[in-house]
Amino acid sequence: MSKAKDLTGQRFGRLVALEPTEEQKNRRIIWKCVCDCGNICFVSSKRLLYGDTQSCGCLRKERVTERISKAREKVIKHNMYTTRLYKVFAGMKDRCYNPNNKRYKHYGGRGITVCDEWRDDFQAFHDWAMANGYDENAPRGACTLDRIDVDGNYCPENCRWVDMKTQANNRRKNKTVQN
């Protein structure tokens, strides 16, 4: 078996290896390391050398906090994330861009998208909705988002607010009957 590699003083991300300990894990030496944040931690030589561990855990916490902050920033920007209209907006995007959505195959899977104006700007969608007949007090099913051309994208020119009967009559499977 070859001699263990001396990692003393070497940097691995935010960690600097200080000294080997007497402990071993899977025949790998456990190193006492100091993190840039000042914390001391113990990491196996394998995890250091392969880059699996790059901090005492502070790096992960920072990344999670940053992601949460960005998400909050988006939500707080308009403070309407609990409204019915925001749920319509989020549902529209989810159907078009989330392959895990059960209705994706009928929307995003067919190439239906949300226009650039609305895709990342709830306020623009909100302003259009208010100017084009959205009624936040309408009973459920009386004011739904409908695409005029069922094969077209979600955009101001192709969307309207209608009741469920109109929505049901504007489907791909419907056939026009002439007398």
N, C-alpha and C. Protein backbone atom coordinates (compact mmCIF):
# COMPACT_ATOMS: atom_id res chain seq x y z
N MET A 1 0.84 -1.17 0.00
CA MET A 1 0.00 0.00 0.00
C MET A 1 0.89 1.23 0.00
N SER A 2 0.53 2.24 -0.80
CA SER A 2 1.36 3.43 -0.92
C SER A 2 1.19 4.33 0.30
N LYS A 3 2.19 5.18 0.49
CA LYS A 3 2.17 6.09 1.61
C LYS A 3 1.10 7.16 1.39
N ALA A 4 0.42 7.55 2.47
CA ALA A 4 -0.64 8.56 2.38
C ALA A 4 -0.05 9.90 1.93
N LYS A 5 -0.81 10.59 1.12
CA LYS A 5 -0.37 11.89 0.59
C LYS A 5 -0.48 12.95 1.69
N ASP A 6 0.55 13.77 1.81
CA ASP A 6 0.55 14.85 2.81
C ASP A 6 -0.21 16.05 2.24
N LEU A 7 -1.31 16.39 2.86
CA LEU A 7 -2.16 17.49 2.40
C LEU A 7 -1.98 18.75 3.25
N THR A 8 -1.08 18.71 4.22
CA THR A 8 -0.88 19.82 5.14
C THR A 8 -0.66 21.13 4.39
N GLY A 9 -1.47 22.13 4.72
CA GLY A 9 -1.34 23.47 4.13
C GLY A 9 -2.02 23.64 2.79
N GLN A 10 -2.51 22.56 2.20
CA GLN A 10 -3.16 22.67 0.89
C GLN A 10 -4.60 23.17 1.04
N ARG A 11 -5.03 23.94 0.04
CA ARG A 11 -6.38 24.52 0.03
C ARG A 11 -7.29 23.65 -0.84
N PHE A 12 -8.50 23.43 -0.33
CA PHE A 12 -9.54 22.69 -1.04
C PHE A 12 -10.82 23.52 -0.93
N GLY A 13 -11.08 24.36 -1.92
CA GLY A 13 -12.22 25.28 -1.85
C GLY A 13 -11.98 26.28 -0.75
N ARG A 14 -12.83 26.26 0.26
CA ARG A 14 -12.68 27.16 1.41
C ARG A 14 -11.89 26.53 2.56
N LEU A 15 -11.51 25.28 2.39
CA LEU A 15 -10.83 24.55 3.46
C LEU A 15 -9.32 24.52 3.26
N VAL A 16 -8.59 24.61 4.36
CA VAL A 16 -7.14 24.41 4.36
C VAL A 16 -6.86 23.25 5.31
N ALA A 17 -6.18 22.24 4.80
CA ALA A 17 -5.85 21.06 5.61
C ALA A 17 -4.77 21.45 6.62
N LEU A 18 -5.07 21.22 7.91
CA LEU A 18 -4.12 21.57 8.95
C LEU A 18 -3.22 20.40 9.33
N GLU A 19 -3.86 19.28 9.68
CA GLU A 19 -3.07 18.12 10.10
C GLU A 19 -3.93 16.86 10.03
N PRO A 20 -3.28 15.72 9.81
CA PRO A 20 -4.02 14.45 9.82
C PRO A 20 -4.36 14.08 11.25
N THR A 21 -5.47 13.39 11.42
CA THR A 21 -5.83 12.89 12.75
C THR A 21 -5.50 11.41 12.81
N GLU A 22 -5.73 10.81 13.93
CA GLU A 22 -5.48 9.38 14.09
C GLU A 22 -6.61 8.56 13.49
N GLU A 23 -7.75 9.22 13.25
CA GLU A 23 -8.93 8.51 12.75
C GLU A 23 -8.78 8.17 11.27
N GLN A 24 -9.48 7.13 10.89
CA GLN A 24 -9.55 6.75 9.48
C GLN A 24 -10.98 6.36 9.14
N LYS A 25 -11.36 6.58 7.90
CA LYS A 25 -12.67 6.15 7.42
C LYS A 25 -12.44 5.47 6.08
N ASN A 26 -12.82 4.21 5.98
CA ASN A 26 -12.58 3.41 4.76
C ASN A 26 -11.11 3.47 4.35
N ARG A 27 -10.23 3.33 5.30
CA ARG A 27 -8.78 3.35 5.10
C ARG A 27 -8.28 4.69 4.56
N ARG A 28 -9.05 5.74 4.73
CA ARG A 28 -8.65 7.09 4.34
C ARG A 28 -8.41 7.91 5.60
N ILE A 29 -7.38 8.73 5.57
CA ILE A 29 -7.06 9.57 6.71
C ILE A 29 -8.09 10.68 6.83
N ILE A 30 -8.46 11.01 8.05
CA ILE A 30 -9.35 12.12 8.33
C ILE A 30 -8.46 13.33 8.67
N TRP A 31 -8.70 14.44 7.97
CA TRP A 31 -7.89 15.64 8.16
C TRP A 31 -8.65 16.68 8.96
N LYS A 32 -7.92 17.33 9.86
CA LYS A 32 -8.45 18.50 10.58
C LYS A 32 -8.23 19.69 9.65
N CYS A 33 -9.33 20.39 9.33
CA CYS A 33 -9.26 21.50 8.38
C CYS A 33 -9.84 22.76 9.01
N VAL A 34 -9.39 23.89 8.53
CA VAL A 34 -9.98 25.16 8.94
C VAL A 34 -10.65 25.76 7.71
N CYS A 35 -11.85 26.26 7.92
CA CYS A 35 -12.62 26.87 6.83
C CYS A 35 -12.34 28.37 6.83
N ASP A 36 -12.55 29.02 5.70
CA ASP A 36 -12.35 30.47 5.60
C ASP A 36 -13.22 31.23 6.59
N CYS A 37 -14.35 30.63 6.99
CA CYS A 37 -15.24 31.30 7.94
C CYS A 37 -14.74 31.15 9.38
N GLY A 38 -13.68 30.33 9.59
CA GLY A 38 -13.10 30.17 10.92
C GLY A 38 -13.46 28.85 11.59
N ASN A 39 -14.43 28.14 11.09
CA ASN A 39 -14.83 26.86 11.68
C ASN A 39 -13.79 25.79 11.42
N ILE A 40 -13.69 24.87 12.37
CA ILE A 40 -12.83 23.70 12.23
C ILE A 40 -13.73 22.52 11.86
N CYS A 41 -13.28 21.71 10.91
CA CYS A 41 -14.05 20.52 10.56
C CYS A 41 -13.09 19.39 10.23
N PHE A 42 -13.62 18.18 10.17
CA PHE A 42 -12.82 17.00 9.92
C PHE A 42 -13.35 16.31 8.66
N VAL A 43 -12.44 16.11 7.69
CA VAL A 43 -12.85 15.61 6.37
C VAL A 43 -11.87 14.53 5.92
N SER A 44 -12.39 13.49 5.27
CA SER A 44 -11.51 12.43 4.77
C SER A 44 -10.69 12.95 3.59
N SER A 45 -9.51 12.38 3.42
CA SER A 45 -8.63 12.80 2.33
C SER A 45 -9.31 12.60 0.97
N LYS A 46 -10.09 11.54 0.85
CA LYS A 46 -10.78 11.27 -0.42
C LYS A 46 -11.75 12.41 -0.76
N ARG A 47 -12.55 12.86 0.23
CA ARG A 47 -13.52 13.93 -0.02
C ARG A 47 -12.82 15.25 -0.35
N LEU A 48 -11.65 15.48 0.24
CA LEU A 48 -10.88 16.68 -0.08
C LEU A 48 -10.31 16.60 -1.50
N LEU A 49 -9.67 15.48 -1.80
CA LEU A 49 -9.00 15.33 -3.09
C LEU A 49 -9.97 15.30 -4.27
N TYR A 50 -11.16 14.71 -4.08
CA TYR A 50 -12.15 14.65 -5.16
C TYR A 50 -13.02 15.88 -5.24
N GLY A 51 -12.84 16.81 -4.29
CA GLY A 51 -13.62 18.05 -4.33
C GLY A 51 -15.03 17.91 -3.81
N ASP A 52 -15.32 16.80 -3.13
CA ASP A 52 -16.67 16.58 -2.61
C ASP A 52 -17.00 17.52 -1.45
N THR A 53 -15.98 17.88 -0.68
CA THR A 53 -16.19 18.78 0.46
C THR A 53 -15.29 20.00 0.26
N GLN A 54 -15.91 21.18 0.18
CA GLN A 54 -15.13 22.39 -0.07
C GLN A 54 -15.28 23.43 1.03
N SER A 55 -16.11 23.12 2.03
CA SER A 55 -16.27 24.04 3.16
C SER A 55 -16.79 23.25 4.35
N CYS A 56 -16.95 23.95 5.45
CA CYS A 56 -17.48 23.31 6.66
C CYS A 56 -18.99 23.13 6.57
N GLY A 57 -19.58 23.65 5.53
CA GLY A 57 -21.03 23.64 5.37
C GLY A 57 -21.56 25.04 5.13
N CYS A 58 -20.69 26.03 5.35
CA CYS A 58 -21.12 27.42 5.20
C CYS A 58 -21.40 27.77 3.73
N LEU A 59 -20.69 27.15 2.81
CA LEU A 59 -20.90 27.43 1.38
C LEU A 59 -22.30 27.00 0.96
N ARG A 60 -22.72 25.83 1.38
CA ARG A 60 -24.07 25.34 1.05
C ARG A 60 -25.13 26.26 1.66
N LYS A 61 -24.93 26.64 2.92
CA LYS A 61 -25.88 27.54 3.58
C LYS A 61 -26.00 28.86 2.83
N GLU A 62 -24.87 29.40 2.38
CA GLU A 62 -24.88 30.66 1.63
C GLU A 62 -25.64 30.51 0.32
N ARG A 63 -25.40 29.40 -0.38
CA ARG A 63 -26.08 29.18 -1.67
C ARG A 63 -27.59 29.04 -1.49
N VAL A 64 -28.00 28.30 -0.45
CA VAL A 64 -29.43 28.13 -0.17
C VAL A 64 -30.05 29.47 0.18
N THR A 65 -29.38 30.23 1.04
CA THR A 65 -29.87 31.55 1.44
C THR A 65 -30.00 32.46 0.23
N GLU A 66 -29.02 32.41 -0.66
CA GLU A 66 -29.05 33.23 -1.87
C GLU A 66 -30.23 32.85 -2.77
N ARG A 67 -30.47 31.55 -2.94
CA ARG A 67 -31.60 31.10 -3.76
C ARG A 67 -32.92 31.54 -3.15
N ILE A 68 -33.04 31.41 -1.84
CA ILE A 68 -34.27 31.83 -1.16
C ILE A 68 -34.46 33.33 -1.30
N SER A 69 -33.40 34.09 -1.16
CA SER A 69 -33.49 35.55 -1.29
C SER A 69 -33.95 35.94 -2.69
N LYS A 70 -33.39 35.29 -3.70
CA LYS A 70 -33.79 35.60 -5.08
C LYS A 70 -35.26 35.25 -5.31
N ALA A 71 -35.70 34.12 -4.77
CA ALA A 71 -37.10 33.71 -4.91
C ALA A 71 -38.01 34.71 -4.21
N ARG A 72 -37.63 35.11 -2.99
CA ARG A 72 -38.43 36.09 -2.25
C ARG A 72 -38.49 37.41 -2.99
N GLU A 73 -37.35 37.81 -3.55
CA GLU A 73 -37.28 39.08 -4.28
C GLU A 73 -38.29 39.08 -5.42
N LYS A 74 -38.37 37.97 -6.14
CA LYS A 74 -39.33 37.85 -7.24
C LYS A 74 -40.76 37.97 -6.73
N VAL A 75 -41.04 37.28 -5.63
CA VAL A 75 -42.39 37.25 -5.08
C VAL A 75 -42.77 38.60 -4.47
N ILE A 76 -41.88 39.17 -3.70
CA ILE A 76 -42.17 40.41 -3.01
C ILE A 76 -42.27 41.58 -3.98
N LYS A 77 -41.64 41.45 -5.11
CA LYS A 77 -41.64 42.51 -6.11
C LYS A 77 -43.04 43.05 -6.37
N HIS A 78 -44.03 42.17 -6.48
CA HIS A 78 -45.40 42.62 -6.75
C HIS A 78 -46.35 42.31 -5.59
N ASN A 79 -45.94 41.46 -4.67
CA ASN A 79 -46.74 41.12 -3.48
C ASN A 79 -48.14 40.61 -3.82
N MET A 80 -48.27 39.89 -4.91
CA MET A 80 -49.58 39.37 -5.31
C MET A 80 -49.56 37.86 -5.51
N TYR A 81 -48.56 37.19 -4.97
CA TYR A 81 -48.41 35.76 -5.21
C TYR A 81 -49.53 34.91 -4.63
N THR A 82 -50.36 35.46 -3.74
CA THR A 82 -51.46 34.68 -3.18
C THR A 82 -52.77 34.95 -3.92
N THR A 83 -52.77 35.83 -4.90
CA THR A 83 -54.01 36.18 -5.58
C THR A 83 -54.39 35.13 -6.62
N ARG A 84 -55.65 35.13 -6.97
CA ARG A 84 -56.18 34.23 -7.99
C ARG A 84 -55.50 34.48 -9.35
N LEU A 85 -55.28 35.76 -9.68
CA LEU A 85 -54.66 36.09 -10.96
C LEU A 85 -53.23 35.56 -11.02
N TYR A 86 -52.49 35.65 -9.93
CA TYR A 86 -51.12 35.13 -9.93
C TYR A 86 -51.14 33.61 -10.13
N LYS A 87 -52.12 32.93 -9.57
CA LYS A 87 -52.22 31.48 -9.75
C LYS A 87 -52.51 31.14 -11.21
N VAL A 88 -53.31 31.97 -11.88
CA VAL A 88 -53.56 31.77 -13.32
C VAL A 88 -52.24 31.93 -14.08
N PHE A 89 -51.50 32.98 -13.75
CA PHE A 89 -50.22 33.28 -14.38
C PHE A 89 -49.23 32.12 -14.17
N ALA A 90 -49.10 31.67 -12.93
CA ALA A 90 -48.17 30.58 -12.62
C ALA A 90 -48.59 29.29 -13.31
N GLY A 91 -49.89 29.01 -13.34
CA GLY A 91 -50.38 27.80 -14.01
C GLY A 91 -50.11 27.82 -15.50
N MET A 92 -50.30 28.98 -16.12
CA MET A 92 -50.03 29.15 -17.55
C MET A 92 -48.56 28.81 -17.84
N LYS A 93 -47.66 29.35 -17.06
CA LYS A 93 -46.24 29.11 -17.26
C LYS A 93 -45.88 27.65 -16.98
N ASP A 94 -46.46 27.10 -15.93
CA ASP A 94 -46.16 25.72 -15.56
C ASP A 94 -46.58 24.75 -16.66
N ARG A 95 -47.77 24.95 -17.24
CA ARG A 95 -48.24 24.08 -18.33
C ARG A 95 -47.31 24.15 -19.54
N CYS A 96 -46.72 25.31 -19.76
CA CYS A 96 -45.88 25.51 -20.95
C CYS A 96 -44.42 25.10 -20.76
N TYR A 97 -43.91 25.17 -19.53
CA TYR A 97 -42.47 24.97 -19.33
C TYR A 97 -42.07 23.87 -18.36
N ASN A 98 -43.02 23.26 -17.69
CA ASN A 98 -42.67 22.22 -16.72
C ASN A 98 -43.09 20.85 -17.24
N PRO A 99 -42.13 20.06 -17.73
CA PRO A 99 -42.46 18.73 -18.26
C PRO A 99 -43.11 17.81 -17.23
N ASN A 100 -43.00 18.13 -15.95
CA ASN A 100 -43.62 17.32 -14.90
C ASN A 100 -45.09 17.68 -14.69
N ASN A 101 -45.55 18.75 -15.30
CA ASN A 101 -46.96 19.13 -15.19
C ASN A 101 -47.78 18.12 -15.99
N LYS A 102 -48.87 17.62 -15.41
CA LYS A 102 -49.65 16.58 -16.09
C LYS A 102 -50.28 17.07 -17.39
N ARG A 103 -50.41 18.37 -17.58
CA ARG A 103 -51.01 18.90 -18.81
C ARG A 103 -49.95 19.45 -19.79
N TYR A 104 -48.68 19.29 -19.46
CA TYR A 104 -47.58 19.80 -20.30
C TYR A 104 -47.68 19.31 -21.74
N LYS A 105 -48.04 18.03 -21.92
CA LYS A 105 -48.08 17.47 -23.28
C LYS A 105 -49.07 18.22 -24.18
N HIS A 106 -50.07 18.83 -23.58
CA HIS A 106 -51.07 19.58 -24.36
C HIS A 106 -50.66 21.03 -24.58
N TYR A 107 -49.63 21.47 -23.92
CA TYR A 107 -49.19 22.86 -24.01
C TYR A 107 -47.73 22.92 -24.45
N GLY A 108 -46.81 22.94 -23.50
CA GLY A 108 -45.39 23.01 -23.83
C GLY A 108 -44.94 21.88 -24.75
N GLY A 109 -45.51 20.71 -24.56
CA GLY A 109 -45.17 19.57 -25.40
C GLY A 109 -45.58 19.75 -26.85
N ARG A 110 -46.55 20.65 -27.09
CA ARG A 110 -46.98 20.95 -28.47
C ARG A 110 -46.33 22.23 -28.98
N GLY A 111 -45.46 22.82 -28.17
CA GLY A 111 -44.76 24.03 -28.61
C GLY A 111 -45.43 25.33 -28.18
N ILE A 112 -46.48 25.24 -27.35
CA ILE A 112 -47.16 26.45 -26.85
C ILE A 112 -46.23 27.12 -25.83
N THR A 113 -46.01 28.41 -25.97
CA THR A 113 -45.16 29.16 -25.06
C THR A 113 -45.89 30.40 -24.55
N VAL A 114 -45.25 31.09 -23.63
CA VAL A 114 -45.74 32.36 -23.11
C VAL A 114 -44.87 33.44 -23.73
N CYS A 115 -45.48 34.51 -24.21
CA CYS A 115 -44.72 35.58 -24.87
C CYS A 115 -43.68 36.17 -23.92
N ASP A 116 -42.63 36.75 -24.50
CA ASP A 116 -41.55 37.35 -23.72
C ASP A 116 -42.08 38.43 -22.79
N GLU A 117 -43.07 39.18 -23.24
CA GLU A 117 -43.63 40.27 -22.44
C GLU A 117 -44.18 39.77 -21.11
N TRP A 118 -44.76 38.58 -21.09
CA TRP A 118 -45.39 38.04 -19.88
C TRP A 118 -44.53 37.04 -19.13
N ARG A 119 -43.70 36.31 -19.84
CA ARG A 119 -43.04 35.14 -19.25
C ARG A 119 -42.39 35.41 -17.90
N ASP A 120 -41.64 36.46 -17.78
CA ASP A 120 -40.96 36.75 -16.52
C ASP A 120 -41.43 38.04 -15.87
N ASP A 121 -42.63 38.50 -16.26
CA ASP A 121 -43.10 39.78 -15.73
C ASP A 121 -44.58 39.68 -15.38
N PHE A 122 -44.85 39.28 -14.14
CA PHE A 122 -46.24 39.17 -13.71
C PHE A 122 -46.96 40.51 -13.82
N GLN A 123 -46.26 41.60 -13.54
CA GLN A 123 -46.90 42.91 -13.57
C GLN A 123 -47.44 43.22 -14.97
N ALA A 124 -46.71 42.87 -16.01
CA ALA A 124 -47.18 43.08 -17.38
C ALA A 124 -48.44 42.25 -17.64
N PHE A 125 -48.44 41.00 -17.19
CA PHE A 125 -49.61 40.14 -17.34
C PHE A 125 -50.79 40.72 -16.56
N HIS A 126 -50.55 41.16 -15.35
CA HIS A 126 -51.57 41.76 -14.50
C HIS A 126 -52.18 42.98 -15.18
N ASP A 127 -51.34 43.86 -15.69
CA ASP A 127 -51.83 45.08 -16.34
C ASP A 127 -52.70 44.74 -17.56
N TRP A 128 -52.26 43.76 -18.36
CA TRP A 128 -53.06 43.33 -19.52
C TRP A 128 -54.40 42.76 -19.05
N ALA A 129 -54.36 41.91 -18.03
CA ALA A 129 -55.58 41.26 -17.53
C ALA A 129 -56.59 42.30 -17.06
N MET A 130 -56.14 43.27 -16.31
CA MET A 130 -57.05 44.30 -15.78
C MET A 130 -57.63 45.16 -16.90
N ALA A 131 -56.88 45.39 -17.94
CA ALA A 131 -57.35 46.21 -19.06
C ALA A 131 -58.21 45.42 -20.05
N ASN A 132 -58.26 44.09 -19.88
CA ASN A 132 -58.96 43.26 -20.86
C ASN A 132 -60.03 42.36 -20.27
N GLY A 133 -60.65 42.79 -19.20
CA GLY A 133 -61.83 42.09 -18.71
C GLY A 133 -61.66 41.11 -17.58
N TYR A 134 -60.50 41.02 -16.98
CA TYR A 134 -60.36 40.11 -15.84
C TYR A 134 -61.18 40.65 -14.68
N ASP A 135 -61.95 39.75 -14.06
CA ASP A 135 -62.79 40.13 -12.92
C ASP A 135 -62.41 39.25 -11.74
N GLU A 136 -61.68 39.82 -10.79
CA GLU A 136 -61.22 39.03 -9.65
C GLU A 136 -62.35 38.58 -8.74
N ASN A 137 -63.53 39.19 -8.88
CA ASN A 137 -64.68 38.82 -8.05
C ASN A 137 -65.65 37.88 -8.76
N ALA A 138 -65.33 37.50 -9.98
CA ALA A 138 -66.20 36.60 -10.74
C ALA A 138 -66.24 35.24 -10.06
N PRO A 139 -67.40 34.58 -10.11
CA PRO A 139 -67.46 33.23 -9.53
C PRO A 139 -66.53 32.28 -10.30
N ARG A 140 -66.13 31.23 -9.64
CA ARG A 140 -65.22 30.26 -10.25
C ARG A 140 -65.79 29.78 -11.59
N GLY A 141 -64.95 29.82 -12.62
CA GLY A 141 -65.35 29.36 -13.95
C GLY A 141 -65.99 30.43 -14.80
N ALA A 142 -66.23 31.62 -14.25
CA ALA A 142 -66.88 32.68 -15.02
C ALA A 142 -65.86 33.60 -15.70
N CYS A 143 -64.60 33.50 -15.29
CA CYS A 143 -63.57 34.37 -15.86
C CYS A 143 -62.27 33.57 -15.95
N THR A 144 -62.11 32.87 -17.08
CA THR A 144 -60.94 32.00 -17.26
C THR A 144 -60.12 32.50 -18.44
N LEU A 145 -58.83 32.23 -18.40
CA LEU A 145 -57.93 32.63 -19.47
C LEU A 145 -58.06 31.66 -20.64
N ASP A 146 -58.31 32.19 -21.82
CA ASP A 146 -58.53 31.37 -23.01
C ASP A 146 -57.65 31.87 -24.14
N ARG A 147 -57.06 30.93 -24.89
CA ARG A 147 -56.33 31.29 -26.11
C ARG A 147 -57.30 31.23 -27.28
N ILE A 148 -57.45 32.31 -28.00
CA ILE A 148 -58.38 32.39 -29.13
C ILE A 148 -58.02 31.34 -30.17
N ASP A 149 -56.76 31.30 -30.57
CA ASP A 149 -56.25 30.26 -31.47
C ASP A 149 -55.65 29.19 -30.58
N VAL A 150 -56.29 28.02 -30.51
CA VAL A 150 -55.84 26.97 -29.59
C VAL A 150 -54.44 26.45 -29.90
N ASP A 151 -53.95 26.73 -31.10
CA ASP A 151 -52.59 26.32 -31.46
C ASP A 151 -51.60 27.47 -31.29
N GLY A 152 -52.08 28.62 -30.86
CA GLY A 152 -51.22 29.79 -30.69
C GLY A 152 -50.68 29.89 -29.27
N ASN A 153 -49.76 30.79 -29.09
CA ASN A 153 -49.11 31.00 -27.80
C ASN A 153 -49.93 31.89 -26.89
N TYR A 154 -49.52 31.93 -25.63
CA TYR A 154 -50.12 32.86 -24.68
C TYR A 154 -49.48 34.23 -24.93
N CYS A 155 -50.26 35.17 -25.43
CA CYS A 155 -49.80 36.52 -25.68
C CYS A 155 -51.02 37.44 -25.71
N PRO A 156 -50.84 38.74 -25.56
CA PRO A 156 -51.99 39.64 -25.51
C PRO A 156 -52.91 39.53 -26.73
N GLU A 157 -52.34 39.30 -27.88
CA GLU A 157 -53.15 39.23 -29.11
C GLU A 157 -53.96 37.95 -29.21
N ASN A 158 -53.59 36.92 -28.47
CA ASN A 158 -54.25 35.62 -28.61
C ASN A 158 -54.99 35.18 -27.35
N CYS A 159 -55.11 36.05 -26.35
CA CYS A 159 -55.77 35.65 -25.12
C CYS A 159 -56.96 36.53 -24.80
N ARG A 160 -57.88 35.96 -24.04
CA ARG A 160 -59.08 36.68 -23.61
C ARG A 160 -59.60 36.03 -22.34
N TRP A 161 -60.49 36.72 -21.66
CA TRP A 161 -61.15 36.21 -20.46
C TRP A 161 -62.56 35.79 -20.83
N VAL A 162 -62.87 34.50 -20.61
CA VAL A 162 -64.18 33.97 -20.99
C VAL A 162 -64.70 33.04 -19.90
N ASP A 163 -65.97 32.63 -20.05
CA ASP A 163 -66.53 31.66 -19.10
C ASP A 163 -66.18 30.25 -19.57
N MET A 164 -66.48 29.26 -18.75
CA MET A 164 -66.12 27.88 -19.05
C MET A 164 -66.83 27.33 -20.28
N LYS A 165 -68.04 27.79 -20.55
CA LYS A 165 -68.76 27.30 -21.73
C LYS A 165 -68.03 27.74 -23.00
N THR A 166 -67.64 29.00 -23.06
CA THR A 166 -66.89 29.49 -24.22
C THR A 166 -65.57 28.75 -24.33
N GLN A 167 -64.94 28.56 -23.19
CA GLN A 167 -63.66 27.85 -23.15
C GLN A 167 -63.83 26.42 -23.69
N ALA A 168 -64.90 25.75 -23.29
CA ALA A 168 -65.14 24.37 -23.72
C ALA A 168 -65.44 24.29 -25.22
N ASN A 169 -66.05 25.33 -25.76
CA ASN A 169 -66.35 25.35 -27.19
C ASN A 169 -65.13 25.68 -28.04
N ASN A 170 -64.06 26.12 -27.42
CA ASN A 170 -62.84 26.50 -28.14
C ASN A 170 -61.75 25.47 -27.86
N ARG A 171 -61.99 24.24 -28.29
CA ARG A 171 -61.04 23.16 -28.06
C ARG A 171 -60.62 22.55 -29.38
N ARG A 172 -59.47 21.91 -29.38
CA ARG A 172 -58.96 21.27 -30.60
C ARG A 172 -59.85 20.16 -31.08
N LYS A 173 -60.48 19.43 -30.17
CA LYS A 173 -61.26 18.26 -30.55
C LYS A 173 -62.65 18.61 -31.09
N ASN A 174 -63.07 19.84 -30.89
CA ASN A 174 -64.42 20.23 -31.36
C ASN A 174 -64.47 20.30 -32.88
N LYS A 175 -65.59 19.90 -33.42
CA LYS A 175 -65.82 19.95 -34.86
C LYS A 175 -66.95 20.93 -35.13
N THR A 176 -66.86 21.69 -36.19
CA THR A 176 -67.91 22.62 -36.57
C THR A 176 -68.95 21.86 -37.39
N VAL A 177 -70.21 21.95 -36.96
CA VAL A 177 -71.31 21.26 -37.65
C VAL A 177 -72.09 22.31 -38.44
N GLN A 178 -72.31 22.02 -39.72
CA GLN A 178 -73.06 22.96 -40.53
C GLN A 178 -74.41 22.37 -40.88
N ASN A 179 -75.45 23.19 -40.82
CA ASN A 179 -76.82 22.74 -41.13
C ASN A 179 -77.14 22.92 -42.57
